[in-house]
């Protein structure tokens, strides 16, 4: 066989293999149309190599009983959900006008993601890393029974050293310490970093660990949650990871503006439940799945809260649906903060409808992004909403990492989910929805304060961007379904 025939045969084989791989994407893994087309482009424009990329970045998770719960465990979880659904449908759960006004949102969250409504919560808001970690370390030092932590990123720096030392002291005192980190987000960390704590009975696990620390076929499905639960009485949830940059000590980012909540009340049990499921999926030593695992002491707080979990293990995009429902409920104001604003068409349509309905929609994004590809895609979507009357603010003081939505100064969402396909479909995320005018007003006021440290992206300013920037926007927007 001559060289020409051999080359023709090789090209034909590659074409057939690529066609079969593309068929697998289309028919075996049913997915969103936008991401399907994006992956087909990659498969056809980069044959074979594209499929290797797909193996690492594109495969979907199993979506039936991902956490391998027994029938008894599923029954226990669903019994409380079914009871609350009946209460909500019979209007027996509305203790104030605000809950009644948002009964449809409440019911959707319970039905969609088993997010029980809890009523007795006290909430403290942190926007500065020093304040958040000072509070967290103080609560860790006061722990008596157990400390559960879950973080997407744990850097190998002085803040991580301090966390390790505080946890080691508590483990030495007999407090049960469990730490779960994401393997990719915390790639510089290993259980060996916590060896002394482990020697006193602490446990450390990685979510979706890599094979020999080199190969990870779940690199695109990461556990992006940031949680801490202490003695089943106190919980932390929000955007801060563990690292010096979150204290504003990284020169690249400068001041780090984030939003994190400290919650006391029955919502702690829902956050504990979220941790328990992730822990039991990743850990060798499982936690007992018993009712006491979700029970916490009653609190005298007044904030109703739902904890919404979402991830690639479910068909329904729970957090995205919650976001859209929040947007559609807005009558006066809709304030959004997100470091990554790369929404899908349904989210964009909801924002456009709100704008056309006269809602004051304001969106705050970083002035300088930490990812060039995502940054230019963000500009493309923000620019589109300018046409509909949205006000876009570029945070200039440092890097804004907050993931918040505030509607009409009465309902708000704070959590780990960004406004992009990665958070909607690919990552494991968790958000708190708060039905409290006082808390919502605080978040609303914080947005206005941040406006003082921001510049406004006007239509005139947007139109002045260079041809190079326009090209970057066009390319990154095309890739946005898989960013």
Protein backbone atom coordinates (compact mmCIF):
# COMPACT_ATOMS: atom_id res chain seq x y z
CA UNK A 1 0.00 0.00 0.00
CA UNK A 2 1.46 3.33 -1.06
CA UNK A 3 1.59 6.42 1.11
CA UNK A 4 -1.40 8.07 -0.59
CA UNK A 5 -3.68 5.07 -0.04
CA UNK A 6 -2.48 4.68 3.54
CA UNK A 7 -3.24 8.33 4.26
CA UNK A 8 -6.68 8.02 2.68
CA UNK A 9 -7.42 4.94 4.77
CA UNK A 10 -6.26 6.67 7.96
CA UNK A 11 -8.43 9.71 7.26
CA UNK A 12 -11.42 7.43 6.57
CA UNK A 13 -10.90 5.55 9.83
CA UNK A 14 -10.60 8.80 11.76
CA UNK A 15 -13.78 10.08 10.11
CA UNK A 16 -15.73 6.91 10.99
CA UNK A 17 -14.48 6.94 14.60
CA UNK A 18 -15.30 10.61 14.94
CA UNK A 19 -18.77 10.04 13.48
CA UNK A 20 -19.45 7.28 16.00
CA UNK A 21 -18.22 9.45 18.85
CA UNK A 22 -20.43 12.32 17.72
CA UNK A 23 -23.39 9.93 17.54
CA UNK A 24 -22.68 8.93 21.14
CA UNK A 25 -22.83 12.57 22.19
CA UNK A 26 -26.12 13.04 20.35
CA UNK A 27 -28.00 9.87 21.24
CA UNK A 28 -26.44 8.31 24.35
CA UNK A 29 -25.90 11.43 26.47
CA UNK A 30 -29.00 13.55 25.98
CA UNK A 31 -28.08 17.12 26.87
CA UNK A 32 -28.82 20.77 26.26
CA UNK A 33 -28.90 21.67 22.55
CA UNK A 34 -26.38 24.50 22.94
CA UNK A 35 -23.75 22.35 24.65
CA UNK A 36 -24.44 19.52 22.17
CA UNK A 37 -23.59 21.77 19.21
CA UNK A 38 -20.51 23.12 20.99
CA UNK A 39 -19.21 19.59 21.59
CA UNK A 40 -19.98 18.54 18.02
CA UNK A 41 -17.93 21.48 16.78
CA UNK A 42 -15.01 20.38 18.93
CA UNK A 43 -15.32 16.75 17.81
CA UNK A 44 -15.40 17.61 14.11
CA UNK A 45 -12.85 20.41 14.08
CA UNK A 46 -10.36 18.57 16.32
CA UNK A 47 -10.82 14.87 15.45
CA UNK A 48 -9.74 12.29 18.04
CA UNK A 49 -8.13 14.95 20.22
CA UNK A 50 -11.59 16.45 20.61
CA UNK A 51 -12.88 13.15 21.97
CA UNK A 52 -10.03 12.95 24.47
CA UNK A 53 -11.05 16.43 25.62
CA UNK A 54 -14.64 15.18 25.78
CA UNK A 55 -13.64 12.26 28.03
CA UNK A 56 -12.23 14.68 30.56
CA UNK A 57 -14.67 17.57 30.21
CA UNK A 58 -17.88 16.42 28.60
CA UNK A 59 -19.16 13.16 30.06
CA UNK A 60 -22.31 13.31 32.10
CA UNK A 61 -22.82 11.73 35.51
CA UNK A 62 -25.35 9.07 36.29
CA UNK A 63 -28.53 10.78 37.39
CA UNK A 64 -30.44 7.97 39.08
CA UNK A 65 -29.71 7.63 42.80
CA UNK A 66 -26.28 9.24 42.43
CA UNK A 67 -25.72 9.15 46.20
CA UNK A 68 -26.61 5.43 46.40
CA UNK A 69 -29.22 5.94 49.10
CA UNK A 70 -31.04 2.94 50.46
CA UNK A 71 -34.82 2.75 50.20
CA UNK A 72 -35.06 3.59 53.92
CA UNK A 73 -32.85 6.65 53.53
CA UNK A 74 -34.81 7.91 50.53
CA UNK A 75 -38.05 7.33 52.38
CA UNK A 76 -36.83 9.31 55.38
CA UNK A 77 -35.79 12.25 53.22
CA UNK A 78 -38.97 12.29 51.17
CA UNK A 79 -41.39 11.92 54.08
CA UNK A 80 -40.61 15.41 55.41
CA UNK A 81 -40.76 16.81 51.88
CA UNK A 82 -44.16 15.29 51.18
CA UNK A 83 -45.51 16.61 54.47
CA UNK A 84 -44.36 20.14 53.73
CA UNK A 85 -45.73 20.06 50.19
CA UNK A 86 -49.16 19.27 51.61
CA UNK A 87 -48.80 22.07 54.17
CA UNK A 88 -47.85 24.57 51.48
CA UNK A 89 -50.65 23.48 49.16
CA UNK A 90 -53.16 23.81 52.01
CA UNK A 91 -51.83 27.26 52.97
CA UNK A 92 -50.91 26.01 56.45
CA UNK A 93 -47.32 27.22 56.39
CA UNK A 94 -47.59 30.93 55.77
CA UNK A 95 -46.77 32.87 58.90
CA UNK A 96 -46.51 36.25 57.20
CA UNK A 97 -47.55 38.06 54.03
CA UNK A 98 -44.09 37.73 52.48
CA UNK A 99 -44.20 33.93 52.56
CA UNK A 100 -47.71 33.97 51.17
CA UNK A 101 -46.63 36.32 48.38
CA UNK A 102 -43.83 33.95 47.35
CA UNK A 103 -45.70 30.70 47.95
CA UNK A 104 -45.12 29.59 44.35
CA UNK A 105 -41.35 29.99 44.72
CA UNK A 106 -41.43 28.14 48.04
CA UNK A 107 -43.43 25.27 46.58
CA UNK A 108 -41.25 24.98 43.48
CA UNK A 109 -38.08 24.75 45.59
CA UNK A 110 -39.57 22.04 47.81
CA UNK A 111 -40.84 20.01 44.87
CA UNK A 112 -37.78 20.53 42.69
CA UNK A 113 -34.88 20.09 45.11
CA UNK A 114 -36.43 18.87 48.39
CA UNK A 115 -35.58 22.25 49.92
CA UNK A 116 -37.55 22.37 53.17
CA UNK A 117 -38.61 25.78 54.40
CA UNK A 118 -37.24 26.58 57.87
CA UNK A 119 -38.55 29.55 59.84
CA UNK A 120 -36.41 30.22 62.92
CA UNK A 121 -33.08 31.30 61.47
CA UNK A 122 -30.72 34.05 62.54
CA UNK A 123 -28.49 35.34 59.73
CA UNK A 124 -25.26 37.29 59.79
CA UNK A 125 -23.76 38.62 56.54
CA UNK A 126 -20.01 38.76 55.84
CA UNK A 127 -18.50 40.62 52.90
CA UNK A 128 -14.90 40.84 54.13
CA UNK A 129 -12.62 37.82 54.41
CA UNK A 130 -11.00 38.89 57.67
CA UNK A 131 -14.37 39.23 59.38
CA UNK A 132 -15.65 35.94 58.00
CA UNK A 133 -12.61 33.90 59.00
CA UNK A 134 -12.30 35.54 62.41
CA UNK A 135 -15.87 34.48 63.12
CA UNK A 136 -15.35 30.99 61.68
CA UNK A 137 -12.19 30.34 63.67
CA UNK A 138 -13.85 31.58 66.86
CA UNK A 139 -16.76 29.18 66.33
CA UNK A 140 -14.33 26.36 65.58
CA UNK A 141 -12.48 27.07 68.82
CA UNK A 142 -15.79 26.88 70.72
CA UNK A 143 -16.89 23.59 69.11
CA UNK A 144 -17.80 20.81 71.54
CA UNK A 145 -18.90 17.84 69.43
CA UNK A 146 -18.23 18.00 65.69
CA UNK A 147 -16.92 20.20 62.89
CA UNK A 148 -17.79 19.56 59.27
CA UNK A 149 -16.10 21.58 56.53
CA UNK A 150 -16.46 21.44 52.76
CA UNK A 151 -14.55 23.73 50.39
CA UNK A 152 -13.92 23.86 46.67
CA UNK A 153 -10.52 25.54 47.09
CA UNK A 154 -8.05 25.11 49.91
CA UNK A 155 -4.79 26.80 49.01
CA UNK A 156 -1.40 25.80 50.41
CA UNK A 157 -0.78 29.04 52.30
CA UNK A 158 -0.87 30.66 55.73
CA UNK A 159 -4.69 30.73 55.98
CA UNK A 160 -4.82 26.99 55.28
CA UNK A 161 -2.07 26.48 57.85
CA UNK A 162 -4.14 28.31 60.44
CA UNK A 163 -7.25 26.31 59.60
CA UNK A 164 -5.31 23.06 59.87
CA UNK A 165 -3.84 24.06 63.23
CA UNK A 166 -7.24 25.07 64.65
CA UNK A 167 -8.82 21.81 63.46
CA UNK A 168 -5.92 19.78 64.85
CA UNK A 169 -6.42 21.34 68.30
CA UNK A 170 -10.11 20.44 68.27
CA UNK A 171 -9.42 16.88 67.09
CA UNK A 172 -6.90 16.53 69.92
CA UNK A 173 -9.65 17.65 72.34
CA UNK A 174 -11.90 14.86 71.07
CA UNK A 175 -14.09 16.90 68.73
CA UNK A 176 -14.99 14.94 65.60
CA UNK A 177 -13.57 16.78 62.58
CA UNK A 178 -14.48 15.92 58.98
CA UNK A 179 -13.05 17.88 56.05
CA UNK A 180 -14.11 17.43 52.41
CA UNK A 181 -12.31 19.27 49.61
CA UNK A 182 -12.55 19.22 45.84
CA UNK A 183 -9.62 17.46 44.21
CA UNK A 184 -9.23 19.87 41.29
CA UNK A 185 -10.01 23.09 43.11
CA UNK A 186 -7.63 22.11 45.92
CA UNK A 187 -5.00 20.46 43.71
CA UNK A 188 -2.10 21.57 45.95
CA UNK A 189 -3.67 19.90 48.99
CA UNK A 190 -3.67 16.24 49.99
CA UNK A 191 -4.73 14.41 53.17
CA UNK A 192 -1.05 14.38 54.15
CA UNK A 193 -1.32 18.12 54.78
CA UNK A 194 -3.64 17.23 57.68
CA UNK A 195 -1.67 14.25 59.00
CA UNK A 196 -1.47 15.47 62.59
CA UNK A 197 -5.20 16.17 62.70
CA UNK A 198 -5.87 12.72 61.22
CA UNK A 199 -3.66 11.14 63.88
CA UNK A 200 -6.11 12.47 66.50
CA UNK A 201 -9.13 10.99 64.73
CA UNK A 202 -9.91 13.69 62.17
CA UNK A 203 -10.97 12.60 58.70
CA UNK A 204 -10.14 14.16 55.32
CA UNK A 205 -11.55 13.18 51.94
CA UNK A 206 -11.30 14.44 48.35
CA UNK A 207 -14.35 14.70 46.10
CA UNK A 208 -13.85 12.99 42.72
CA UNK A 209 -10.18 12.19 43.43
CA UNK A 210 -7.67 11.92 40.61
CA UNK A 211 -6.07 8.69 39.48
CA UNK A 212 -2.49 8.76 40.78
CA UNK A 213 -2.92 12.56 41.21
CA UNK A 214 -2.43 12.88 37.45
CA UNK A 215 -5.61 11.87 35.61
CA UNK A 216 -9.09 13.04 36.53
CA UNK A 217 -11.99 12.09 34.28
CA UNK A 218 -14.32 14.34 36.29
CA UNK A 219 -12.34 17.52 35.85
CA UNK A 220 -15.44 19.26 34.49
CA UNK A 221 -17.77 18.19 37.33
CA UNK A 222 -16.50 19.77 40.48
CA UNK A 223 -17.87 20.22 43.96
CA UNK A 224 -18.04 24.01 44.18
CA UNK A 225 -19.77 24.13 47.59
CA UNK A 226 -18.35 26.04 50.56
CA UNK A 227 -19.91 24.90 53.82
CA UNK A 228 -19.06 24.63 57.48
CA UNK A 229 -21.33 23.13 60.14
CA UNK A 230 -20.38 23.29 63.80
CA UNK A 231 -22.10 21.22 66.51
CA UNK A 232 -25.28 21.22 64.34
CA UNK A 233 -25.93 24.72 65.66
CA UNK A 234 -23.99 27.03 63.34
CA UNK A 235 -23.50 26.88 59.58
CA UNK A 236 -21.56 28.96 57.08
CA UNK A 237 -22.46 29.15 53.38
CA UNK A 238 -21.34 31.46 50.59
CA UNK A 239 -18.50 32.40 48.28
CA UNK A 240 -15.31 32.42 50.38
CA UNK A 241 -12.86 29.56 49.88
CA UNK A 242 -9.73 28.97 51.97
CA UNK A 243 -6.78 30.99 50.72
CA UNK A 244 -4.88 34.22 51.27
CA UNK A 245 -6.47 35.83 48.20
CA UNK A 246 -9.80 35.73 50.06
CA UNK A 247 -8.19 37.98 52.65
CA UNK A 248 -7.20 40.44 49.92
CA UNK A 249 -3.53 39.43 50.14
CA UNK A 250 -3.05 38.49 46.48
CA UNK A 251 -1.60 41.36 44.42
CA UNK A 252 -3.29 40.10 41.27
CA UNK A 253 -6.79 40.39 42.73
CA UNK A 254 -6.35 43.04 45.40
CA UNK A 255 -9.29 43.51 47.73
CA UNK A 256 -11.59 40.49 47.69
CA UNK A 257 -15.30 41.34 47.87
CA UNK A 258 -17.48 38.30 48.58
CA UNK A 259 -20.70 37.41 50.36
CA UNK A 260 -20.99 34.69 53.00
CA UNK A 261 -23.70 33.88 55.53
CA UNK A 262 -23.55 32.59 59.07
CA UNK A 263 -26.81 30.83 59.91
CA UNK A 264 -28.21 29.62 63.22
CA UNK A 265 -31.54 27.81 63.26
CA UNK A 266 -33.20 24.86 61.58
CA UNK A 267 -31.66 25.66 58.19
CA UNK A 268 -28.43 24.31 59.71
CA UNK A 269 -29.96 20.83 59.50
CA UNK A 270 -30.52 21.24 55.76
CA UNK A 271 -26.91 22.35 55.26
CA UNK A 272 -25.76 19.43 57.41
CA UNK A 273 -27.81 17.11 55.21
CA UNK A 274 -26.14 18.51 52.11
CA UNK A 275 -22.72 17.86 53.63
CA UNK A 276 -23.69 14.36 54.74
CA UNK A 277 -24.69 13.29 51.23
CA UNK A 278 -21.46 14.58 49.69
CA UNK A 279 -19.36 13.12 52.48
CA UNK A 280 -20.90 9.66 52.23
CA UNK A 281 -20.38 9.67 48.46
CA UNK A 282 -16.67 10.48 48.81
CA UNK A 283 -15.65 8.92 52.13
CA UNK A 284 -14.60 5.45 53.14
CA UNK A 285 -16.05 5.92 56.62
CA UNK A 286 -19.70 6.81 56.14
CA UNK A 287 -21.68 8.96 58.53
CA UNK A 288 -24.74 7.32 60.04
CA UNK A 289 -27.81 8.36 58.10
CA UNK A 290 -30.18 8.72 61.03
CA UNK A 291 -32.79 11.37 61.91
CA UNK A 292 -30.54 12.93 64.56
CA UNK A 293 -28.08 13.83 61.82
CA UNK A 294 -30.52 16.48 60.62
CA UNK A 295 -31.86 17.70 63.96
CA UNK A 296 -30.76 20.98 65.50
CA UNK A 297 -31.95 22.94 68.48
CA UNK A 298 -34.69 25.48 67.86
CA UNK A 299 -33.54 29.08 67.56
CA UNK A 300 -35.28 32.38 68.22
CA UNK A 301 -34.34 33.81 64.81
CA UNK A 302 -37.04 35.10 62.50
CA UNK A 303 -35.65 34.54 58.98
CA UNK A 304 -37.32 31.90 56.78
CA UNK A 305 -34.70 30.07 54.69
CA UNK A 306 -34.57 27.34 52.07
CA UNK A 307 -31.31 25.58 51.13
CA UNK A 308 -31.19 24.74 47.42
CA UNK A 309 -28.73 22.15 46.16
CA UNK A 310 -27.99 21.50 42.50
CA UNK A 311 -25.55 19.45 40.47
CA UNK A 312 -24.82 17.38 37.38
CA UNK A 313 -26.39 14.36 39.07
CA UNK A 314 -29.89 15.75 38.42
CA UNK A 315 -31.79 16.44 35.21
CA UNK A 316 -33.43 19.55 36.66
CA UNK A 317 -31.26 22.63 37.08
CA UNK A 318 -32.60 23.50 40.52
CA UNK A 319 -30.62 26.65 41.24
CA UNK A 320 -31.05 28.07 37.75
CA UNK A 321 -34.80 27.53 37.98
CA UNK A 322 -34.82 29.24 41.37
CA UNK A 323 -32.92 32.18 39.90
CA UNK A 324 -35.38 32.51 37.02
CA UNK A 325 -38.38 32.27 39.33
CA UNK A 326 -36.86 34.99 41.52
CA UNK A 327 -36.32 37.20 38.50
CA UNK A 328 -39.87 36.68 37.28
CA UNK A 329 -41.22 37.61 40.72
CA UNK A 330 -39.51 41.03 40.67
CA UNK A 331 -41.87 44.00 40.52
CA UNK A 332 -39.53 46.91 41.33
CA UNK A 333 -35.86 46.03 41.65
CA UNK A 334 -33.55 43.18 40.70
CA UNK A 335 -29.91 43.46 41.82
CA UNK A 336 -27.43 40.76 40.75
CA UNK A 337 -23.77 40.27 41.67
CA UNK A 338 -21.73 37.55 40.01
CA UNK A 339 -18.05 37.20 39.06
CA UNK A 340 -19.06 35.18 35.99
CA UNK A 341 -22.12 36.27 34.02
CA UNK A 342 -22.47 33.79 31.15
CA UNK A 343 -26.18 32.89 31.31
CA UNK A 344 -28.13 30.63 29.01
CA UNK A 345 -31.04 31.83 26.88
CA UNK A 346 -33.69 31.12 29.54
CA UNK A 347 -31.93 33.29 32.12
CA UNK A 348 -31.38 36.04 29.56
CA UNK A 349 -35.03 35.93 28.52
CA UNK A 350 -36.12 36.26 32.16
CA UNK A 351 -33.92 39.36 32.57
CA UNK A 352 -35.24 40.87 29.35
CA UNK A 353 -38.86 40.27 30.40
CA UNK A 354 -38.16 41.92 33.76
CA UNK A 355 -36.60 44.93 32.01
CA UNK A 356 -39.46 45.24 29.55
CA UNK A 357 -41.86 45.09 32.51
CA UNK A 358 -40.25 48.14 34.09
CA UNK A 359 -38.09 46.41 36.70
CA UNK A 360 -34.89 48.22 37.67
CA UNK A 361 -32.30 45.57 36.77
CA UNK A 362 -28.72 46.16 37.90
CA UNK A 363 -25.89 43.70 37.42
CA UNK A 364 -22.43 43.96 38.98
CA UNK A 365 -19.45 42.09 37.51
CA UNK A 366 -15.68 42.41 37.99
CA UNK A 367 -13.82 45.19 36.22
CA UNK A 368 -11.00 42.69 35.64
CA UNK A 369 -11.71 38.98 35.37
CA UNK A 370 -9.63 36.03 36.54
CA UNK A 371 -10.36 34.18 33.27
CA UNK A 372 -10.00 35.98 29.93
CA UNK A 373 -12.37 33.62 28.10
CA UNK A 374 -15.14 33.96 30.68
CA UNK A 375 -14.51 37.71 31.03
CA UNK A 376 -15.15 38.47 27.36
CA UNK A 377 -18.20 36.21 27.29
CA UNK A 378 -19.49 38.15 30.31
CA UNK A 379 -19.08 41.40 28.39
CA UNK A 380 -21.06 40.00 25.47
CA UNK A 381 -24.07 39.09 27.61
CA UNK A 382 -23.90 42.26 29.69
CA UNK A 383 -23.78 44.33 26.52
CA UNK A 384 -26.89 42.62 25.20
CA UNK A 385 -28.85 43.54 28.32
CA UNK A 386 -27.75 47.17 28.02
CA UNK A 387 -29.96 47.32 24.94
CA UNK A 388 -32.96 46.51 27.14
CA UNK A 389 -32.15 49.12 29.77
CA UNK A 390 -30.12 47.17 32.33
CA UNK A 391 -27.51 49.02 34.38
CA UNK A 392 -24.15 47.24 34.37
CA UNK A 393 -21.54 48.03 37.03
CA UNK A 394 -17.86 47.08 36.86
CA UNK A 395 -16.41 46.58 40.35
CA UNK A 396 -13.13 48.51 40.52
CA UNK A 397 -11.96 48.19 44.14
CA UNK A 398 -10.64 44.66 43.67
CA UNK A 399 -12.32 41.42 42.62
CA UNK A 400 -15.99 40.80 43.29
CA UNK A 401 -16.76 37.12 43.89
CA UNK A 402 -20.22 37.48 45.48
CA UNK A 403 -23.08 35.37 44.13
CA UNK A 404 -26.19 37.25 45.21
CA UNK A 405 -29.61 38.14 43.83
CA UNK A 406 -31.90 40.56 45.67
CA UNK A 407 -35.52 41.07 44.58
CA UNK A 408 -37.66 44.04 45.64
CA UNK A 409 -35.67 44.39 48.89
CA UNK A 410 -37.58 41.44 50.34
CA UNK A 411 -36.22 38.12 49.03
CA UNK A 412 -32.60 37.20 48.33
CA UNK A 413 -30.34 34.34 47.30
CA UNK A 414 -26.76 33.92 48.52
CA UNK A 415 -24.58 30.92 47.81
CA UNK A 416 -21.94 29.32 45.65
CA UNK A 417 -23.61 29.30 42.22
CA UNK A 418 -22.42 31.69 39.55
CA UNK A 419 -24.57 32.67 36.59
CA UNK A 420 -23.11 30.35 33.99
CA UNK A 421 -23.50 26.90 32.52
CA UNK A 422 -20.82 25.52 34.81
CA UNK A 423 -22.82 26.37 37.93
CA UNK A 424 -26.18 25.54 36.36
CA UNK A 425 -25.28 22.13 34.92
CA UNK A 426 -21.72 21.00 35.64
CA UNK A 427 -20.80 21.80 39.25
CA UNK A 428 -22.28 20.79 42.58
CA UNK A 429 -23.61 24.02 44.11
CA UNK A 430 -25.68 25.19 47.07
CA UNK A 431 -27.56 28.44 47.75
CA UNK A 432 -29.65 29.84 50.57
CA UNK A 433 -32.90 31.63 49.69
CA UNK A 434 -33.92 34.08 52.41
CA UNK A 435 -37.46 35.41 52.78
CA UNK A 436 -36.71 38.29 55.10
CA UNK A 437 -37.05 41.98 54.29
CA UNK A 438 -34.39 43.02 56.82
CA UNK A 439 -31.76 40.66 55.38
CA UNK A 440 -32.73 41.51 51.81
CA UNK A 441 -32.54 45.23 52.59
CA UNK A 442 -29.03 44.74 54.02
CA UNK A 443 -27.93 43.01 50.82
CA UNK A 444 -29.63 45.70 48.74
CA UNK A 445 -27.76 48.41 50.65
CA UNK A 446 -24.47 46.53 50.25
CA UNK A 447 -25.01 46.53 46.48
CA UNK A 448 -25.51 50.29 46.52
CA UNK A 449 -22.34 50.69 48.61
CA UNK A 450 -20.43 48.60 46.09
CA UNK A 451 -21.67 50.91 43.33
CA UNK A 452 -19.50 53.59 44.92
CA UNK A 453 -16.48 51.38 44.15
CA UNK A 454 -17.64 50.63 40.62
CA UNK A 455 -17.82 52.30 37.23
CA UNK A 456 -20.89 52.03 35.03
CA UNK A 457 -20.70 50.28 31.68
CA UNK A 458 -22.88 52.58 29.59
CA UNK A 459 -24.04 51.88 26.05
CA UNK A 460 -21.75 54.59 24.72
CA UNK A 461 -18.79 53.05 26.51
CA UNK A 462 -19.71 49.58 25.27
CA UNK A 463 -19.96 50.72 21.66
CA UNK A 464 -16.43 52.15 21.83
CA UNK A 465 -14.82 48.72 22.32
CA UNK A 466 -12.27 47.72 19.69
CA UNK A 467 -12.71 45.26 16.85
CA UNK A 468 -10.42 42.86 18.72
CA UNK A 469 -12.69 42.91 21.76
CA UNK A 470 -15.75 42.36 19.57
CA UNK A 471 -14.05 39.33 18.04
CA UNK A 472 -13.18 37.95 21.48
CA UNK A 473 -16.80 38.40 22.58
CA UNK A 474 -18.11 36.61 19.49
CA UNK A 475 -15.80 33.61 19.91
CA UNK A 476 -16.27 33.23 23.67
CA UNK A 477 -20.04 33.58 23.37
CA UNK A 478 -20.04 30.74 20.85
CA UNK A 479 -18.21 28.58 23.40
CA UNK A 480 -20.32 29.74 26.36
CA UNK A 481 -22.42 26.52 26.60
CA UNK A 482 -19.30 24.62 27.66
CA UNK A 483 -17.34 27.30 29.54
